[in-house]
Amino acid sequence: MIEANYLSVEIVANHHTMKNDISWSHVIMLHRKGSPYLEEMNRVIGRCRAAGLFLLWATNITTSHLSSRFQIATQISKASTKVEMDQPIKLKLLHIRGAFMLLAAGMLLSCLVLFIEIIKSKLFDTKRIRPK
């Protein structure tokens, strides 16, 4: 089981749980071409989505299998009244720090590869083919 040891009171206090999904996908089932069950299965899956059964199942799995620390942090985040959840908030550096760290890591990696290529070309003195 994965422990959420990165969650602390400070982290949870500055963040909130999103109401909307970050990603979603269709429910996929395989049927034979021209199957008489296709329309009925589409109707059942649509009714399950409309009733919220998939969300209920995901919530039950989360509460039964995730660590208690993660569950408490999620409850604190949902109960936080510091920021009105329907209103947009101004982004701070804390919110976008991860994106800047990825940008810096990519820039450093590309510079490192460039320097390695320059050193390699000077050490091995590769002969270049020049057009006549």
N, C-alpha and C. Protein backbone atom coordinates (compact mmCIF):
# COMPACT_ATOMS: atom_id res chain seq x y z
N MET A 1 0.84 -1.17 0.00
CA MET A 1 0.00 0.00 0.00
C MET A 1 0.89 1.24 0.00
N ILE A 2 0.54 2.21 -0.80
CA ILE A 2 1.31 3.44 -0.91
C ILE A 2 0.91 4.38 0.22
N GLU A 3 1.88 4.79 1.00
CA GLU A 3 1.63 5.75 2.07
C GLU A 3 1.77 7.16 1.52
N ALA A 4 0.87 8.01 1.92
CA ALA A 4 0.91 9.40 1.46
C ALA A 4 1.71 10.23 2.47
N ASN A 5 3.00 9.93 2.60
CA ASN A 5 3.81 10.63 3.59
C ASN A 5 4.16 12.04 3.16
N TYR A 6 3.88 12.41 1.91
CA TYR A 6 4.13 13.77 1.45
C TYR A 6 3.02 14.72 1.88
N LEU A 7 1.89 14.19 2.36
CA LEU A 7 0.78 15.04 2.78
C LEU A 7 1.01 15.51 4.21
N SER A 8 1.00 16.81 4.38
CA SER A 8 1.11 17.37 5.71
C SER A 8 -0.02 18.38 5.90
N VAL A 9 -0.13 18.90 7.10
CA VAL A 9 -1.19 19.87 7.40
C VAL A 9 -1.02 21.12 6.55
N GLU A 10 0.23 21.55 6.33
CA GLU A 10 0.48 22.75 5.54
C GLU A 10 0.09 22.54 4.08
N ILE A 11 0.44 21.38 3.55
CA ILE A 11 0.11 21.09 2.15
C ILE A 11 -1.39 21.05 1.96
N VAL A 12 -2.09 20.36 2.85
CA VAL A 12 -3.54 20.23 2.72
C VAL A 12 -4.23 21.57 2.92
N ALA A 13 -3.69 22.41 3.79
CA ALA A 13 -4.32 23.71 4.05
C ALA A 13 -4.23 24.64 2.85
N ASN A 14 -3.20 24.51 2.03
CA ASN A 14 -3.02 25.40 0.88
C ASN A 14 -3.62 24.87 -0.42
N HIS A 15 -4.21 23.71 -0.40
CA HIS A 15 -4.76 23.12 -1.62
C HIS A 15 -6.18 22.65 -1.37
N HIS A 16 -6.92 22.43 -2.43
CA HIS A 16 -8.26 21.88 -2.30
C HIS A 16 -8.51 20.84 -3.38
N THR A 17 -9.47 19.98 -3.12
CA THR A 17 -9.80 18.93 -4.05
C THR A 17 -10.65 19.50 -5.17
N MET A 18 -10.32 19.14 -6.39
CA MET A 18 -11.07 19.63 -7.54
C MET A 18 -12.42 18.92 -7.62
N LYS A 19 -13.44 19.66 -8.03
CA LYS A 19 -14.75 19.04 -8.23
C LYS A 19 -14.81 18.30 -9.56
N ASN A 20 -14.10 18.81 -10.55
CA ASN A 20 -14.12 18.20 -11.88
C ASN A 20 -12.99 17.19 -12.01
N ASP A 21 -13.18 16.23 -12.89
CA ASP A 21 -12.16 15.22 -13.15
C ASP A 21 -11.04 15.81 -13.98
N ILE A 22 -9.81 15.37 -13.73
CA ILE A 22 -8.69 15.75 -14.58
C ILE A 22 -8.79 15.01 -15.90
N SER A 23 -9.15 13.75 -15.85
CA SER A 23 -9.32 12.96 -17.06
C SER A 23 -10.45 11.96 -16.85
N TRP A 24 -10.95 11.47 -17.93
CA TRP A 24 -11.99 10.45 -17.88
C TRP A 24 -11.86 9.60 -19.12
N SER A 25 -12.52 8.47 -19.12
CA SER A 25 -12.50 7.62 -20.30
C SER A 25 -13.84 6.92 -20.43
N HIS A 26 -14.09 6.43 -21.62
CA HIS A 26 -15.33 5.71 -21.87
C HIS A 26 -15.24 4.32 -21.27
N VAL A 27 -16.40 3.75 -20.95
CA VAL A 27 -16.46 2.36 -20.53
C VAL A 27 -16.45 1.52 -21.80
N ILE A 28 -15.53 0.58 -21.87
CA ILE A 28 -15.36 -0.19 -23.10
C ILE A 28 -15.67 -1.65 -22.83
N MET A 29 -16.54 -2.19 -23.66
CA MET A 29 -16.85 -3.62 -23.62
C MET A 29 -16.82 -4.12 -25.05
N LEU A 30 -16.38 -5.33 -25.23
CA LEU A 30 -16.32 -5.92 -26.56
C LEU A 30 -17.55 -6.79 -26.80
N HIS A 31 -18.18 -6.59 -27.94
CA HIS A 31 -19.31 -7.42 -28.36
C HIS A 31 -19.05 -7.86 -29.79
N ARG A 32 -19.70 -8.92 -30.17
CA ARG A 32 -19.62 -9.33 -31.57
C ARG A 32 -20.37 -8.33 -32.42
N LYS A 33 -19.96 -8.24 -33.63
CA LYS A 33 -20.62 -7.34 -34.57
C LYS A 33 -22.08 -7.78 -34.75
N GLY A 34 -22.98 -6.83 -34.58
CA GLY A 34 -24.40 -7.14 -34.72
C GLY A 34 -24.99 -7.84 -33.51
N SER A 35 -24.33 -7.71 -32.34
CA SER A 35 -24.81 -8.38 -31.13
C SER A 35 -26.15 -7.80 -30.71
N PRO A 36 -27.12 -8.65 -30.31
CA PRO A 36 -28.41 -8.14 -29.87
C PRO A 36 -28.34 -7.49 -28.48
N TYR A 37 -27.24 -7.65 -27.78
CA TYR A 37 -27.10 -7.09 -26.44
C TYR A 37 -26.50 -5.69 -26.43
N LEU A 38 -26.05 -5.21 -27.57
CA LEU A 38 -25.33 -3.94 -27.64
C LEU A 38 -26.16 -2.77 -27.14
N GLU A 39 -27.37 -2.62 -27.63
CA GLU A 39 -28.21 -1.49 -27.21
C GLU A 39 -28.57 -1.58 -25.74
N GLU A 40 -28.85 -2.77 -25.25
CA GLU A 40 -29.19 -2.93 -23.83
C GLU A 40 -27.99 -2.59 -22.93
N MET A 41 -26.79 -3.03 -23.35
CA MET A 41 -25.60 -2.71 -22.55
C MET A 41 -25.33 -1.20 -22.56
N ASN A 42 -25.50 -0.55 -23.71
CA ASN A 42 -25.33 0.90 -23.76
C ASN A 42 -26.31 1.60 -22.82
N ARG A 43 -27.54 1.12 -22.79
CA ARG A 43 -28.55 1.72 -21.91
C ARG A 43 -28.21 1.50 -20.43
N VAL A 44 -27.75 0.31 -20.08
CA VAL A 44 -27.40 0.02 -18.69
C VAL A 44 -26.19 0.85 -18.24
N ILE A 45 -25.18 0.94 -19.10
CA ILE A 45 -23.99 1.72 -18.75
C ILE A 45 -24.34 3.20 -18.61
N GLY A 46 -25.19 3.70 -19.52
CA GLY A 46 -25.64 5.09 -19.42
C GLY A 46 -26.41 5.36 -18.14
N ARG A 47 -27.25 4.44 -17.75
CA ARG A 47 -28.02 4.63 -16.51
C ARG A 47 -27.11 4.55 -15.28
N CYS A 48 -26.09 3.68 -15.31
CA CYS A 48 -25.14 3.60 -14.20
C CYS A 48 -24.35 4.90 -14.06
N ARG A 49 -23.93 5.48 -15.20
CA ARG A 49 -23.21 6.76 -15.16
C ARG A 49 -24.11 7.87 -14.64
N ALA A 50 -25.36 7.90 -15.12
CA ALA A 50 -26.29 8.96 -14.70
C ALA A 50 -26.60 8.84 -13.21
N ALA A 51 -26.68 7.63 -12.71
CA ALA A 51 -27.00 7.43 -11.29
C ALA A 51 -25.78 7.65 -10.39
N GLY A 52 -24.59 7.70 -10.97
CA GLY A 52 -23.39 7.93 -10.18
C GLY A 52 -22.81 6.68 -9.56
N LEU A 53 -23.14 5.53 -10.10
CA LEU A 53 -22.64 4.28 -9.51
C LEU A 53 -21.14 4.14 -9.66
N PHE A 54 -20.59 4.56 -10.81
CA PHE A 54 -19.15 4.44 -11.00
C PHE A 54 -18.40 5.32 -10.00
N LEU A 55 -18.92 6.51 -9.74
CA LEU A 55 -18.32 7.40 -8.75
C LEU A 55 -18.42 6.80 -7.35
N LEU A 56 -19.56 6.21 -7.05
CA LEU A 56 -19.74 5.55 -5.75
C LEU A 56 -18.77 4.39 -5.58
N TRP A 57 -18.59 3.59 -6.61
CA TRP A 57 -17.66 2.47 -6.54
C TRP A 57 -16.23 2.96 -6.36
N ALA A 58 -15.86 4.00 -7.07
CA ALA A 58 -14.51 4.54 -6.93
C ALA A 58 -14.29 5.09 -5.53
N THR A 59 -15.30 5.75 -4.96
CA THR A 59 -15.20 6.28 -3.60
C THR A 59 -15.07 5.15 -2.59
N ASN A 60 -15.84 4.10 -2.77
CA ASN A 60 -15.76 2.95 -1.85
C ASN A 60 -14.39 2.28 -1.92
N ILE A 61 -13.84 2.15 -3.11
CA ILE A 61 -12.49 1.57 -3.26
C ILE A 61 -11.47 2.46 -2.56
N THR A 62 -11.61 3.78 -2.75
CA THR A 62 -10.67 4.72 -2.14
C THR A 62 -10.72 4.62 -0.62
N THR A 63 -11.91 4.62 -0.07
CA THR A 63 -12.02 4.59 1.39
C THR A 63 -11.60 3.26 1.99
N SER A 64 -11.72 2.18 1.23
CA SER A 64 -11.37 0.89 1.81
C SER A 64 -9.91 0.50 1.60
N HIS A 65 -9.23 1.09 0.60
CA HIS A 65 -7.88 0.63 0.29
C HIS A 65 -6.78 1.67 0.47
N LEU A 66 -7.11 2.96 0.49
CA LEU A 66 -6.06 3.96 0.67
C LEU A 66 -5.73 4.14 2.15
N SER A 67 -4.58 4.71 2.41
CA SER A 67 -4.15 4.89 3.79
C SER A 67 -5.04 5.90 4.50
N SER A 68 -5.12 5.76 5.81
CA SER A 68 -5.98 6.66 6.59
C SER A 68 -5.47 8.09 6.54
N ARG A 69 -4.16 8.28 6.42
CA ARG A 69 -3.61 9.62 6.34
C ARG A 69 -4.11 10.34 5.09
N PHE A 70 -4.15 9.62 3.97
CA PHE A 70 -4.63 10.19 2.72
C PHE A 70 -6.12 10.50 2.81
N GLN A 71 -6.89 9.63 3.43
CA GLN A 71 -8.33 9.86 3.59
C GLN A 71 -8.61 11.08 4.45
N ILE A 72 -7.87 11.23 5.55
CA ILE A 72 -8.05 12.38 6.42
C ILE A 72 -7.67 13.67 5.70
N ALA A 73 -6.58 13.62 4.95
CA ALA A 73 -6.16 14.81 4.19
C ALA A 73 -7.22 15.19 3.16
N THR A 74 -7.82 14.21 2.51
CA THR A 74 -8.87 14.50 1.54
C THR A 74 -10.08 15.11 2.22
N GLN A 75 -10.46 14.59 3.38
CA GLN A 75 -11.61 15.15 4.10
C GLN A 75 -11.33 16.57 4.56
N ILE A 76 -10.12 16.83 5.04
CA ILE A 76 -9.77 18.19 5.46
C ILE A 76 -9.81 19.13 4.27
N SER A 77 -9.31 18.66 3.14
CA SER A 77 -9.31 19.48 1.94
C SER A 77 -10.72 19.81 1.48
N LYS A 78 -11.61 18.84 1.54
CA LYS A 78 -12.99 19.08 1.12
C LYS A 78 -13.72 19.99 2.10
N ALA A 79 -13.37 19.91 3.39
CA ALA A 79 -14.07 20.70 4.40
C ALA A 79 -13.49 22.10 4.55
N SER A 80 -12.38 22.39 3.87
CA SER A 80 -11.74 23.69 4.00
C SER A 80 -12.65 24.78 3.47
N THR A 81 -12.85 25.82 4.27
CA THR A 81 -13.71 26.94 3.87
C THR A 81 -12.90 28.20 3.63
N LYS A 82 -11.57 28.06 3.58
CA LYS A 82 -10.72 29.24 3.40
C LYS A 82 -10.96 29.88 2.04
N VAL A 83 -11.11 29.07 1.00
CA VAL A 83 -11.31 29.57 -0.35
C VAL A 83 -12.66 29.06 -0.84
N GLU A 84 -13.45 29.93 -1.40
CA GLU A 84 -14.72 29.52 -1.99
C GLU A 84 -14.42 28.66 -3.21
N MET A 85 -14.91 27.43 -3.22
CA MET A 85 -14.52 26.49 -4.26
C MET A 85 -15.05 26.86 -5.64
N ASP A 86 -16.12 27.63 -5.72
CA ASP A 86 -16.68 27.98 -7.02
C ASP A 86 -15.98 29.16 -7.66
N GLN A 87 -15.22 29.90 -6.89
CA GLN A 87 -14.55 31.08 -7.40
C GLN A 87 -13.12 30.74 -7.80
N PRO A 88 -12.65 31.33 -8.89
CA PRO A 88 -11.24 31.10 -9.26
C PRO A 88 -10.31 31.78 -8.26
N ILE A 89 -9.14 31.20 -8.09
CA ILE A 89 -8.17 31.79 -7.17
C ILE A 89 -6.95 32.24 -7.97
N LYS A 90 -6.24 33.23 -7.46
CA LYS A 90 -5.03 33.70 -8.10
C LYS A 90 -3.92 32.68 -7.84
N LEU A 91 -3.23 32.33 -8.90
CA LEU A 91 -2.15 31.37 -8.76
C LEU A 91 -0.93 32.02 -8.12
N LYS A 92 -0.32 31.28 -7.23
CA LYS A 92 0.92 31.71 -6.58
C LYS A 92 2.04 30.84 -7.11
N LEU A 93 3.25 31.22 -6.79
CA LEU A 93 4.41 30.44 -7.23
C LEU A 93 4.34 29.01 -6.70
N LEU A 94 3.75 28.83 -5.53
CA LEU A 94 3.60 27.51 -4.95
C LEU A 94 2.78 26.59 -5.86
N HIS A 95 1.78 27.15 -6.53
CA HIS A 95 0.91 26.34 -7.37
C HIS A 95 1.58 25.88 -8.66
N ILE A 96 2.50 26.68 -9.20
CA ILE A 96 3.11 26.36 -10.49
C ILE A 96 4.58 26.00 -10.38
N ARG A 97 5.04 25.77 -9.18
CA ARG A 97 6.44 25.44 -8.96
C ARG A 97 6.85 24.17 -9.70
N GLY A 98 5.99 23.18 -9.73
CA GLY A 98 6.31 21.92 -10.40
C GLY A 98 6.54 22.10 -11.89
N ALA A 99 5.75 22.95 -12.53
CA ALA A 99 5.93 23.19 -13.97
C ALA A 99 7.28 23.86 -14.23
N PHE A 100 7.65 24.80 -13.39
CA PHE A 100 8.94 25.45 -13.57
C PHE A 100 10.11 24.49 -13.30
N MET A 101 9.93 23.57 -12.37
CA MET A 101 10.97 22.59 -12.09
C MET A 101 11.16 21.66 -13.30
N LEU A 102 10.05 21.25 -13.93
CA LEU A 102 10.16 20.43 -15.13
C LEU A 102 10.82 21.20 -16.27
N LEU A 103 10.48 22.47 -16.41
CA LEU A 103 11.10 23.30 -17.44
C LEU A 103 12.61 23.40 -17.21
N ALA A 104 13.01 23.66 -15.97
CA ALA A 104 14.44 23.78 -15.66
C ALA A 104 15.16 22.46 -15.88
N ALA A 105 14.55 21.35 -15.50
CA ALA A 105 15.18 20.05 -15.71
C ALA A 105 15.36 19.76 -17.20
N GLY A 106 14.38 20.10 -18.01
CA GLY A 106 14.49 19.90 -19.46
C GLY A 106 15.57 20.77 -20.07
N MET A 107 15.66 22.03 -19.62
CA MET A 107 16.69 22.93 -20.15
C MET A 107 18.08 22.42 -19.77
N LEU A 108 18.25 21.99 -18.52
CA LEU A 108 19.55 21.48 -18.09
C LEU A 108 19.94 20.22 -18.87
N LEU A 109 18.98 19.34 -19.07
CA LEU A 109 19.26 18.12 -19.81
C LEU A 109 19.64 18.42 -21.25
N SER A 110 18.94 19.36 -21.88
CA SER A 110 19.27 19.69 -23.27
C SER A 110 20.64 20.35 -23.37
N CYS A 111 21.00 21.20 -22.41
CA CYS A 111 22.34 21.81 -22.41
C CYS A 111 23.42 20.75 -22.20
N LEU A 112 23.18 19.80 -21.32
CA LEU A 112 24.13 18.73 -21.08
C LEU A 112 24.36 17.90 -22.33
N VAL A 113 23.30 17.57 -23.03
CA VAL A 113 23.43 16.79 -24.26
C VAL A 113 24.19 17.60 -25.31
N LEU A 114 23.92 18.90 -25.41
CA LEU A 114 24.63 19.74 -26.37
C LEU A 114 26.13 19.76 -26.07
N PHE A 115 26.51 19.93 -24.80
CA PHE A 115 27.92 19.95 -24.44
C PHE A 115 28.59 18.60 -24.70
N ILE A 116 27.89 17.52 -24.45
CA ILE A 116 28.43 16.19 -24.72
C ILE A 116 28.68 16.02 -26.22
N GLU A 117 27.75 16.49 -27.04
CA GLU A 117 27.93 16.39 -28.49
C GLU A 117 29.11 17.24 -28.97
N ILE A 118 29.27 18.43 -28.40
CA ILE A 118 30.39 19.29 -28.79
C ILE A 118 31.72 18.64 -28.39
N ILE A 119 31.81 18.13 -27.18
CA ILE A 119 33.03 17.48 -26.71
C ILE A 119 33.32 16.23 -27.53
N LYS A 120 32.30 15.47 -27.84
CA LYS A 120 32.48 14.25 -28.62
C LYS A 120 33.00 14.58 -30.02
N SER A 121 32.45 15.62 -30.63
CA SER A 121 32.90 15.98 -31.98
C SER A 121 34.34 16.50 -31.97
N LYS A 122 34.77 17.18 -30.92
CA LYS A 122 36.15 17.68 -30.84
C LYS A 122 37.12 16.57 -30.50
N LEU A 123 36.73 15.64 -29.64
CA LEU A 123 37.63 14.55 -29.26
C LEU A 123 37.86 13.58 -30.40
N PHE A 124 36.81 13.22 -31.07
CA PHE A 124 36.93 12.22 -32.12
C PHE A 124 37.19 12.83 -33.48
N ASP A 125 37.17 14.14 -33.58
CA ASP A 125 37.48 14.87 -34.80
C ASP A 125 36.81 14.22 -36.00
N THR A 126 35.52 14.15 -35.93
CA THR A 126 34.76 13.53 -37.01
C THR A 126 34.93 14.32 -38.29
N LYS A 127 35.16 13.58 -39.36
CA LYS A 127 35.30 14.24 -40.67
C LYS A 127 33.92 14.47 -41.23
N ARG A 128 33.72 15.68 -41.62
CA ARG A 128 32.42 16.04 -42.17
C ARG A 128 32.47 15.92 -43.69
N ILE A 129 31.39 15.46 -44.23
CA ILE A 129 31.29 15.35 -45.68
C ILE A 129 30.73 16.68 -46.18
N ARG A 130 31.55 17.31 -47.03
CA ARG A 130 31.15 18.62 -47.56
C ARG A 130 30.69 18.43 -49.00
N PRO A 131 29.63 19.13 -49.37
CA PRO A 131 29.19 19.03 -50.77
C PRO A 131 30.21 19.66 -51.70
N LYS A 132 30.35 19.12 -52.88
CA LYS A 132 31.31 19.62 -53.86
C LYS A 132 30.77 20.78 -54.65
